[in-house]
Structure formats: C-alpha cells, structure tokens
Amino acid sequence: MQKVSGITHPSAATAEAFEAAVAEVTATTTRLLDALPPRRQPPKTVPPLRRPDVAARLAGSR
C-alpha cells in the first residue's frame, strides 16, 4: 500500500483507510494464490530465507 498511496507512515487521519486497504489486498492475494493450480515443477533452489540454516542463523541473531 505504501507504493500505491505514497504514504510510508500512516497518520491518525489515514490509518483507518490504510489498514482497510491492506486487509483487502491481503484477502485478494490469498484468494488468488488459493485459486492457482499447483506448480508443475517446483523451484530448483530454496529461497535463502526459507533455508533452515539461514532461518536458524537469523533466529539466533535476534
């Protein structure tokens, strides 16, 4: 929503509209992903943030 609205930090005047838009985009994205068929061929590599060793390293640094 930040890219669409140009607002990086919602103020009290824009917070309600901003949160409603985020909820709508979340719901729409969820419906889209649920409606798509499974991938025929999974990715050949696991994205870095989904790798167990990277996740463990990040969890340890917090």
N, C-alpha and C. Protein backbone atom coordinates (compact mmCIF):
# COMPACT_ATOMS: atom_id res chain seq x y z
N MET A 1 0.81 -1.18 0.00
CA MET A 1 0.00 0.00 0.00
C MET A 1 0.86 1.25 0.00
N GLN A 2 2.06 1.14 0.51
CA GLN A 2 2.92 2.32 0.55
C GLN A 2 3.25 2.81 -0.85
N LYS A 3 3.51 1.90 -1.77
CA LYS A 3 3.85 2.32 -3.14
C LYS A 3 2.66 2.94 -3.84
N VAL A 4 1.47 2.42 -3.59
CA VAL A 4 0.27 2.94 -4.26
C VAL A 4 -0.11 4.29 -3.69
N SER A 5 -0.10 4.41 -2.36
CA SER A 5 -0.56 5.63 -1.72
C SER A 5 0.51 6.71 -1.61
N GLY A 6 1.76 6.30 -1.59
CA GLY A 6 2.84 7.26 -1.36
C GLY A 6 3.02 7.59 0.11
N ILE A 7 2.27 6.91 0.97
CA ILE A 7 2.34 7.15 2.41
C ILE A 7 3.22 6.07 3.02
N THR A 8 4.30 6.49 3.67
CA THR A 8 5.18 5.50 4.30
C THR A 8 4.77 5.21 5.74
N HIS A 9 4.26 6.21 6.42
CA HIS A 9 3.80 6.03 7.80
C HIS A 9 2.42 6.68 7.92
N PRO A 10 1.36 5.86 8.01
CA PRO A 10 0.02 6.44 8.09
C PRO A 10 -0.14 7.32 9.34
N SER A 11 -0.82 8.42 9.15
CA SER A 11 -1.14 9.30 10.28
C SER A 11 -2.47 8.84 10.88
N ALA A 12 -2.88 9.49 11.93
CA ALA A 12 -4.16 9.16 12.54
C ALA A 12 -5.30 9.36 11.55
N ALA A 13 -5.15 10.34 10.67
CA ALA A 13 -6.21 10.64 9.69
C ALA A 13 -6.28 9.60 8.58
N THR A 14 -5.16 8.94 8.28
CA THR A 14 -5.15 7.98 7.16
C THR A 14 -5.05 6.53 7.60
N ALA A 15 -4.86 6.28 8.89
CA ALA A 15 -4.62 4.92 9.38
C ALA A 15 -5.77 3.97 9.08
N GLU A 16 -7.00 4.41 9.28
CA GLU A 16 -8.15 3.53 9.06
C GLU A 16 -8.26 3.10 7.60
N ALA A 17 -8.13 4.06 6.69
CA ALA A 17 -8.20 3.74 5.26
C ALA A 17 -7.03 2.86 4.84
N PHE A 18 -5.86 3.13 5.38
CA PHE A 18 -4.67 2.36 5.06
C PHE A 18 -4.84 0.91 5.51
N GLU A 19 -5.28 0.71 6.73
CA GLU A 19 -5.46 -0.65 7.26
C GLU A 19 -6.56 -1.41 6.51
N ALA A 20 -7.63 -0.72 6.12
CA ALA A 20 -8.70 -1.36 5.34
C ALA A 20 -8.16 -1.81 3.98
N ALA A 21 -7.34 -0.98 3.36
CA ALA A 21 -6.76 -1.34 2.06
C ALA A 21 -5.82 -2.52 2.19
N VAL A 22 -5.02 -2.55 3.24
CA VAL A 22 -4.11 -3.68 3.48
C VAL A 22 -4.91 -4.96 3.66
N ALA A 23 -6.00 -4.90 4.41
CA ALA A 23 -6.84 -6.09 4.62
C ALA A 23 -7.44 -6.58 3.31
N GLU A 24 -7.89 -5.66 2.46
CA GLU A 24 -8.48 -6.05 1.17
C GLU A 24 -7.44 -6.68 0.25
N VAL A 25 -6.25 -6.10 0.20
CA VAL A 25 -5.19 -6.66 -0.65
C VAL A 25 -4.78 -8.04 -0.13
N THR A 26 -4.70 -8.19 1.17
CA THR A 26 -4.36 -9.49 1.76
C THR A 26 -5.39 -10.54 1.38
N ALA A 27 -6.66 -10.21 1.51
CA ALA A 27 -7.73 -11.15 1.17
C ALA A 27 -7.71 -11.51 -0.31
N THR A 28 -7.52 -10.52 -1.16
CA THR A 28 -7.48 -10.75 -2.60
C THR A 28 -6.29 -11.62 -2.98
N THR A 29 -5.14 -11.35 -2.41
CA THR A 29 -3.94 -12.14 -2.70
C THR A 29 -4.12 -13.58 -2.24
N THR A 30 -4.72 -13.77 -1.08
CA THR A 30 -4.97 -15.12 -0.57
C THR A 30 -5.90 -15.88 -1.50
N ARG A 31 -6.96 -15.22 -1.97
CA ARG A 31 -7.89 -15.89 -2.90
C ARG A 31 -7.19 -16.26 -4.20
N LEU A 32 -6.36 -15.36 -4.71
CA LEU A 32 -5.63 -15.64 -5.94
C LEU A 32 -4.71 -16.84 -5.77
N LEU A 33 -3.92 -16.86 -4.72
CA LEU A 33 -2.99 -17.97 -4.52
C LEU A 33 -3.71 -19.28 -4.27
N ASP A 34 -4.85 -19.24 -3.60
CA ASP A 34 -5.64 -20.46 -3.38
C ASP A 34 -6.24 -20.99 -4.67
N ALA A 35 -6.54 -20.10 -5.62
CA ALA A 35 -7.18 -20.50 -6.88
C ALA A 35 -6.19 -21.02 -7.91
N LEU A 36 -4.92 -20.70 -7.76
CA LEU A 36 -3.93 -21.14 -8.73
C LEU A 36 -3.66 -22.64 -8.59
N PRO A 37 -3.42 -23.33 -9.70
CA PRO A 37 -3.08 -24.75 -9.62
C PRO A 37 -1.68 -24.91 -9.03
N PRO A 38 -1.37 -26.11 -8.53
CA PRO A 38 -0.02 -26.34 -8.01
C PRO A 38 1.02 -26.17 -9.13
N ARG A 39 2.19 -25.79 -8.76
CA ARG A 39 3.25 -25.64 -9.75
C ARG A 39 3.60 -27.00 -10.33
N ARG A 40 3.81 -27.04 -11.63
CA ARG A 40 4.20 -28.29 -12.29
C ARG A 40 5.60 -28.71 -11.87
N GLN A 41 6.45 -27.73 -11.75
CA GLN A 41 7.82 -28.01 -11.40
C GLN A 41 8.23 -27.05 -10.29
N PRO A 42 8.55 -27.57 -9.12
CA PRO A 42 8.95 -26.67 -8.03
C PRO A 42 10.27 -25.98 -8.37
N PRO A 43 10.55 -24.88 -7.70
CA PRO A 43 11.82 -24.19 -7.95
C PRO A 43 13.01 -25.11 -7.70
N LYS A 44 14.08 -24.92 -8.46
CA LYS A 44 15.26 -25.78 -8.31
C LYS A 44 16.03 -25.47 -7.04
N THR A 45 15.90 -24.26 -6.54
CA THR A 45 16.60 -23.90 -5.31
C THR A 45 15.60 -23.33 -4.31
N VAL A 46 15.94 -23.47 -3.06
CA VAL A 46 15.11 -22.92 -1.99
C VAL A 46 15.55 -21.48 -1.76
N PRO A 47 14.61 -20.53 -1.71
CA PRO A 47 14.99 -19.14 -1.45
C PRO A 47 15.76 -19.04 -0.13
N PRO A 48 16.72 -18.14 -0.03
CA PRO A 48 17.57 -18.07 1.16
C PRO A 48 16.82 -18.00 2.49
N LEU A 49 15.77 -17.20 2.56
CA LEU A 49 15.08 -17.04 3.84
C LEU A 49 14.27 -18.27 4.23
N ARG A 50 14.08 -19.22 3.31
CA ARG A 50 13.37 -20.45 3.64
C ARG A 50 14.32 -21.61 3.94
N ARG A 51 15.61 -21.38 3.83
CA ARG A 51 16.59 -22.42 4.13
C ARG A 51 16.72 -22.56 5.64
N PRO A 52 16.68 -23.80 6.15
CA PRO A 52 16.75 -24.00 7.61
C PRO A 52 17.99 -23.38 8.26
N ASP A 53 19.15 -23.49 7.61
CA ASP A 53 20.36 -22.94 8.22
C ASP A 53 20.31 -21.41 8.31
N VAL A 54 19.76 -20.77 7.30
CA VAL A 54 19.65 -19.31 7.31
C VAL A 54 18.62 -18.88 8.36
N ALA A 55 17.49 -19.58 8.42
CA ALA A 55 16.46 -19.25 9.41
C ALA A 55 17.01 -19.39 10.82
N ALA A 56 17.79 -20.45 11.07
CA ALA A 56 18.37 -20.65 12.39
C ALA A 56 19.37 -19.54 12.73
N ARG A 57 20.16 -19.15 11.74
CA ARG A 57 21.14 -18.09 11.96
C ARG A 57 20.44 -16.77 12.26
N LEU A 58 19.37 -16.48 11.52
CA LEU A 58 18.62 -15.24 11.77
C LEU A 58 17.94 -15.27 13.13
N ALA A 59 17.39 -16.42 13.51
CA ALA A 59 16.72 -16.53 14.81
C ALA A 59 17.72 -16.35 15.94
N GLY A 60 18.94 -16.82 15.74
CA GLY A 60 19.97 -16.68 16.76
C GLY A 60 20.48 -15.27 16.92
N SER A 61 20.39 -14.47 15.88
CA SER A 61 20.90 -13.10 15.94
C SER A 61 19.90 -12.12 16.53
N ARG A 62 18.70 -12.56 16.77
CA ARG A 62 17.68 -11.64 17.31
C ARG A 62 17.73 -11.55 18.78
